[in-house]
Amino acid sequence: MNLSFLTKLASEAPACSRLTHDIRQGPGKHTVAAHPAAQPYLISALHRELGFPTLVVVPTSQEARQFYEQLLIWCDSQSTILLLPKDGPPSPEGQGRDPFHQQQRLKVLASLAGIGGEGQRAARSPIVVASAAAAAARTVSLNEFAASWHEV
């Protein structure tokens, strides 16, 4: 089920249009209180209006999965919705982390950095959902990440 057509209604709400206007004015702190059940709707409506890369951080991995699934319902098919996994368990060989989880993290980080599949800028900015543990996991800086990107 896709409910993305309903996010157009948010732009008609005074509070949402004021928030959109304030965000477009430039950097700064913008705080909004929304009922937890309305948060995926609000994020999808703001993303539809603004198109900025968006990182949503929630307390647990389970909440991240639920938020991600809700966004899939509220966002249109043109939206890129990604779930940032936390570092996986150690690999079965005992060397470093699980390669599958590492590959998934790199794919999400590349999308968030604006690097597309062929090393080009992605067409539309993504929404990335992460648990606090996944977002806090150590990674390299954006400049270093982008400079070391090589398409094979």
C-alpha atoms as a PDB file:
ATOM      1  CA  MET A   1       0.000   0.000   0.000  1.00  0.00           C
ATOM      2  CA  ASN A   2       1.361   3.427  -0.935  1.00  0.00           C
ATOM      3  CA  LEU A   3      -0.001   6.496   0.841  1.00  0.00           C
ATOM      4  CA  SER A   4       2.434   9.048  -0.604  1.00  0.00           C
ATOM      5  CA  PHE A   5      -0.384  11.098  -2.155  1.00  0.00           C
ATOM      6  CA  LEU A   6      -1.460  12.056   1.366  1.00  0.00           C
ATOM      7  CA  THR A   7       1.847  13.793   2.107  1.00  0.00           C
ATOM      8  CA  LYS A   8       0.747  16.626  -0.187  1.00  0.00           C
ATOM      9  CA  LEU A   9      -1.767  17.578   2.490  1.00  0.00           C
ATOM     10  CA  ALA A  10       1.024  18.374   4.941  1.00  0.00           C
ATOM     11  CA  SER A  11       2.163  21.331   2.824  1.00  0.00           C
ATOM     12  CA  GLU A  12      -1.261  22.878   3.361  1.00  0.00           C
ATOM     13  CA  ALA A  13      -0.942  22.722   7.154  1.00  0.00           C
ATOM     14  CA  PRO A  14       0.321  26.057   8.526  1.00  0.00           C
ATOM     15  CA  ALA A  15       2.783  24.480  10.972  1.00  0.00           C
ATOM     16  CA  CYS A  16       4.346  22.269   8.309  1.00  0.00           C
ATOM     17  CA  SER A  17       4.587  25.017   5.688  1.00  0.00           C
ATOM     18  CA  ARG A  18       6.165  27.325   8.304  1.00  0.00           C
ATOM     19  CA  LEU A  19       8.710  24.621   9.183  1.00  0.00           C
ATOM     20  CA  THR A  20       9.491  24.045   5.498  1.00  0.00           C
ATOM     21  CA  HIS A  21       9.981  27.783   5.014  1.00  0.00           C
ATOM     22  CA  ASP A  22      12.256  28.036   8.072  1.00  0.00           C
ATOM     23  CA  ILE A  23      14.399  25.108   6.920  1.00  0.00           C
ATOM     24  CA  ARG A  24      14.774  26.629   3.448  1.00  0.00           C
ATOM     25  CA  GLN A  25      16.054  29.853   5.030  1.00  0.00           C
ATOM     26  CA  GLY A  26      19.294  28.129   5.949  1.00  0.00           C
ATOM     27  CA  PRO A  27      21.086  26.272   8.666  1.00  0.00           C
ATOM     28  CA  GLY A  28      19.941  26.475  12.218  1.00  0.00           C
ATOM     29  CA  LYS A  29      18.128  24.507  14.839  1.00  0.00           C
ATOM     30  CA  HIS A  30      14.570  23.572  13.920  1.00  0.00           C
ATOM     31  CA  THR A  31      12.655  21.642  16.542  1.00  0.00           C
ATOM     32  CA  VAL A  32       9.293  19.982  16.016  1.00  0.00           C
ATOM     33  CA  ALA A  33       7.253  17.840  18.356  1.00  0.00           C
ATOM     34  CA  ALA A  34       5.141  15.183  16.662  1.00  0.00           C
ATOM     35  CA  HIS A  35       3.318  12.142  17.946  1.00  0.00           C
ATOM     36  CA  PRO A  36       5.485   9.054  17.327  1.00  0.00           C
ATOM     37  CA  ALA A  37       2.877   7.592  14.981  1.00  0.00           C
ATOM     38  CA  ALA A  38       2.969  10.768  12.858  1.00  0.00           C
ATOM     39  CA  GLN A  39       6.758  11.017  12.596  1.00  0.00           C
ATOM     40  CA  PRO A  40       7.202   8.850   9.448  1.00  0.00           C
ATOM     41  CA  TYR A  41       4.446  10.892   7.747  1.00  0.00           C
ATOM     42  CA  LEU A  42       6.094  14.174   8.741  1.00  0.00           C
ATOM     43  CA  ILE A  43       9.551  13.037   7.580  1.00  0.00           C
ATOM     44  CA  SER A  44       8.171  11.862   4.231  1.00  0.00           C
ATOM     45  CA  ALA A  45       6.232  15.116   3.745  1.00  0.00           C
ATOM     46  CA  LEU A  46       9.291  17.245   4.554  1.00  0.00           C
ATOM     47  CA  HIS A  47      11.468  15.121   2.283  1.00  0.00           C
ATOM     48  CA  ARG A  48       8.937  15.490  -0.524  1.00  0.00           C
ATOM     49  CA  GLU A  49       8.964  19.281  -0.146  1.00  0.00           C
ATOM     50  CA  LEU A  50      12.662  19.843   0.537  1.00  0.00           C
ATOM     51  CA  GLY A  51      14.465  16.911  -1.052  1.00  0.00           C
ATOM     52  CA  PHE A  52      17.421  17.125   1.362  1.00  0.00           C
ATOM     53  CA  PRO A  53      19.368  14.018   2.362  1.00  0.00           C
ATOM     54  CA  THR A  54      17.774  12.938   5.627  1.00  0.00           C
ATOM     55  CA  LEU A  55      19.137  10.888   8.501  1.00  0.00           C
ATOM     56  CA  VAL A  56      16.588   9.620  11.029  1.00  0.00           C
ATOM     57  CA  VAL A  57      18.099   8.231  14.239  1.00  0.00           C
ATOM     58  CA  VAL A  58      15.937   6.191  16.606  1.00  0.00           C
ATOM     59  CA  PRO A  59      16.914   4.425  19.867  1.00  0.00           C
ATOM     60  CA  THR A  60      16.929   0.743  18.823  1.00  0.00           C
ATOM     61  CA  SER A  61      17.406  -1.484  15.787  1.00  0.00           C
ATOM     62  CA  GLN A  62      13.823  -2.716  16.097  1.00  0.00           C
ATOM     63  CA  GLU A  63      12.481   0.856  16.079  1.00  0.00           C
ATOM     64  CA  ALA A  64      14.703   1.633  13.080  1.00  0.00           C
ATOM     65  CA  ARG A  65      13.216  -1.302  11.163  1.00  0.00           C
ATOM     66  CA  GLN A  66       9.651  -0.197  12.055  1.00  0.00           C
ATOM     67  CA  PHE A  67      10.319   3.437  11.066  1.00  0.00           C
ATOM     68  CA  TYR A  68      11.883   2.259   7.794  1.00  0.00           C
ATOM     69  CA  GLU A  69       8.843   0.104   6.984  1.00  0.00           C
ATOM     70  CA  GLN A  70       6.484   3.027   7.729  1.00  0.00           C
ATOM     71  CA  LEU A  71       8.483   5.315   5.419  1.00  0.00           C
ATOM     72  CA  LEU A  72       8.126   2.760   2.625  1.00  0.00           C
ATOM     73  CA  ILE A  73       4.357   3.243   2.916  1.00  0.00           C
ATOM     74  CA  TRP A  74       4.401   7.069   3.105  1.00  0.00           C
ATOM     75  CA  CYS A  75       7.030   7.812   0.436  1.00  0.00           C
ATOM     76  CA  ASP A  76       6.538   7.609  -3.314  1.00  0.00           C
ATOM     77  CA  SER A  77       8.342   5.146  -5.577  1.00  0.00           C
ATOM     78  CA  GLN A  78      10.894   7.808  -6.562  1.00  0.00           C
ATOM     79  CA  SER A  79      12.154   8.065  -2.984  1.00  0.00           C
ATOM     80  CA  THR A  80      15.215   6.184  -1.819  1.00  0.00           C
ATOM     81  CA  ILE A  81      14.625   4.804   1.680  1.00  0.00           C
ATOM     82  CA  LEU A  82      17.553   2.975   3.271  1.00  0.00           C
ATOM     83  CA  LEU A  83      18.126   1.201   6.569  1.00  0.00           C
ATOM     84  CA  LEU A  84      21.641   1.630   7.985  1.00  0.00           C
ATOM     85  CA  PRO A  85      22.611  -1.601   9.720  1.00  0.00           C
ATOM     86  CA  LYS A  86      24.751  -1.516  12.817  1.00  0.00           C
ATOM     87  CA  ASP A  87      28.115  -3.218  12.637  1.00  0.00           C
ATOM     88  CA  GLY A  88      27.427  -6.889  12.239  1.00  0.00           C
ATOM     89  CA  PRO A  89      28.802  -9.704  14.333  1.00  0.00           C
ATOM     90  CA  PRO A  90      32.395 -10.838  13.839  1.00  0.00           C
ATOM     91  CA  SER A  91      32.881 -12.862  10.657  1.00  0.00           C
ATOM     92  CA  PRO A  92      32.791 -16.650  10.972  1.00  0.00           C
ATOM     93  CA  GLU A  93      36.496 -16.726  10.075  1.00  0.00           C
ATOM     94  CA  GLY A  94      37.204 -14.523  13.103  1.00  0.00           C
ATOM     95  CA  GLN A  95      38.726 -11.735  11.010  1.00  0.00           C
ATOM     96  CA  GLY A  96      36.982  -8.382  11.362  1.00  0.00           C
ATOM     97  CA  ARG A  97      33.260  -7.835  10.896  1.00  0.00           C
ATOM     98  CA  ASP A  98      30.754  -9.756   8.800  1.00  0.00           C
ATOM     99  CA  PRO A  99      31.333  -8.740   5.130  1.00  0.00           C
ATOM    100  CA  PHE A 100      27.601  -8.649   4.325  1.00  0.00           C
ATOM    101  CA  HIS A 101      26.884  -6.054   7.042  1.00  0.00           C
ATOM    102  CA  GLN A 102      29.952  -4.050   6.044  1.00  0.00           C
ATOM    103  CA  GLN A 103      28.839  -4.025   2.395  1.00  0.00           C
ATOM    104  CA  GLN A 104      25.329  -2.883   3.364  1.00  0.00           C
ATOM    105  CA  ARG A 105      26.751  -0.078   5.524  1.00  0.00           C
ATOM    106  CA  LEU A 106      29.014   1.077   2.684  1.00  0.00           C
ATOM    107  CA  LYS A 107      26.096   1.089   0.247  1.00  0.00           C
ATOM    108  CA  VAL A 108      23.990   3.250   2.574  1.00  0.00           C
ATOM    109  CA  LEU A 109      26.892   5.603   3.374  1.00  0.00           C
ATOM    110  CA  ALA A 110      27.621   6.006  -0.359  1.00  0.00           C
ATOM    111  CA  SER A 111      24.011   6.936  -1.000  1.00  0.00           C
ATOM    112  CA  LEU A 112      24.015   9.407   1.882  1.00  0.00           C
ATOM    113  CA  ALA A 113      27.260  10.906   0.540  1.00  0.00           C
ATOM    114  CA  GLY A 114      25.543  11.371  -2.822  1.00  0.00           C
ATOM    115  CA  ILE A 115      27.562   8.811  -4.746  1.00  0.00           C
ATOM    116  CA  GLY A 116      25.414   6.873  -7.210  1.00  0.00           C
ATOM    117  CA  GLY A 117      25.876   3.394  -8.643  1.00  0.00           C
ATOM    118  CA  GLU A 118      28.276   4.526 -11.377  1.00  0.00           C
ATOM    119  CA  GLY A 119      30.228   6.892  -9.138  1.00  0.00           C
ATOM    120  CA  GLN A 120      27.896   9.781 -10.070  1.00  0.00           C
ATOM    121  CA  ARG A 121      25.744  11.905  -7.793  1.00  0.00           C
ATOM    122  CA  ALA A 122      22.487  10.114  -6.999  1.00  0.00           C
ATOM    123  CA  ALA A 123      19.366  11.505  -8.715  1.00  0.00           C
ATOM    124  CA  ARG A 124      17.369  12.018  -5.520  1.00  0.00           C
ATOM    125  CA  SER A 125      18.558  12.455  -1.957  1.00  0.00           C
ATOM    126  CA  PRO A 126      17.901   9.462   0.291  1.00  0.00           C
ATOM    127  CA  ILE A 127      16.221   9.057   3.636  1.00  0.00           C
ATOM    128  CA  VAL A 128      18.405   6.886   5.851  1.00  0.00           C
ATOM    129  CA  VAL A 129      17.016   5.334   9.030  1.00  0.00           C
ATOM    130  CA  ALA A 130      19.460   4.163  11.693  1.00  0.00           C
ATOM    131  CA  SER A 131      19.474   3.008  15.272  1.00  0.00           C
ATOM    132  CA  ALA A 132      21.577   5.072  17.646  1.00  0.00           C
ATOM    133  CA  ALA A 133      24.172   2.283  17.703  1.00  0.00           C
ATOM    134  CA  ALA A 134      24.355   2.171  13.897  1.00  0.00           C
ATOM    135  CA  ALA A 135      24.650   5.954  13.598  1.00  0.00           C
ATOM    136  CA  ALA A 136      27.337   6.099  16.290  1.00  0.00           C
ATOM    137  CA  ALA A 137      29.482   3.395  14.712  1.00  0.00           C
ATOM    138  CA  ARG A 138      32.880   4.713  13.754  1.00  0.00           C
ATOM    139  CA  THR A 139      33.417   5.661  10.115  1.00  0.00           C
ATOM    140  CA  VAL A 140      35.632   7.942   8.049  1.00  0.00           C
ATOM    141  CA  SER A 141      34.900  11.582   7.218  1.00  0.00           C
ATOM    142  CA  LEU A 142      32.722  12.438   4.215  1.00  0.00           C
ATOM    143  CA  ASN A 143      35.659  13.881   2.247  1.00  0.00           C
ATOM    144  CA  GLU A 144      37.850  10.855   2.915  1.00  0.00           C
ATOM    145  CA  PHE A 145      35.005   8.487   2.061  1.00  0.00           C
ATOM    146  CA  ALA A 146      34.214  10.248  -1.227  1.00  0.00           C
ATOM    147  CA  ALA A 147      37.897  10.455  -2.186  1.00  0.00           C
ATOM    148  CA  SER A 148      38.414   6.727  -1.636  1.00  0.00           C
ATOM    149  CA  TRP A 149      35.340   5.636  -3.622  1.00  0.00           C
ATOM    150  CA  HIS A 150      36.209   3.366  -6.551  1.00  0.00           C
ATOM    151  CA  GLU A 151      33.670   1.621  -8.770  1.00  0.00           C
ATOM    152  CA  VAL A 152      34.678  -1.938  -9.719  1.00  0.00           C
END
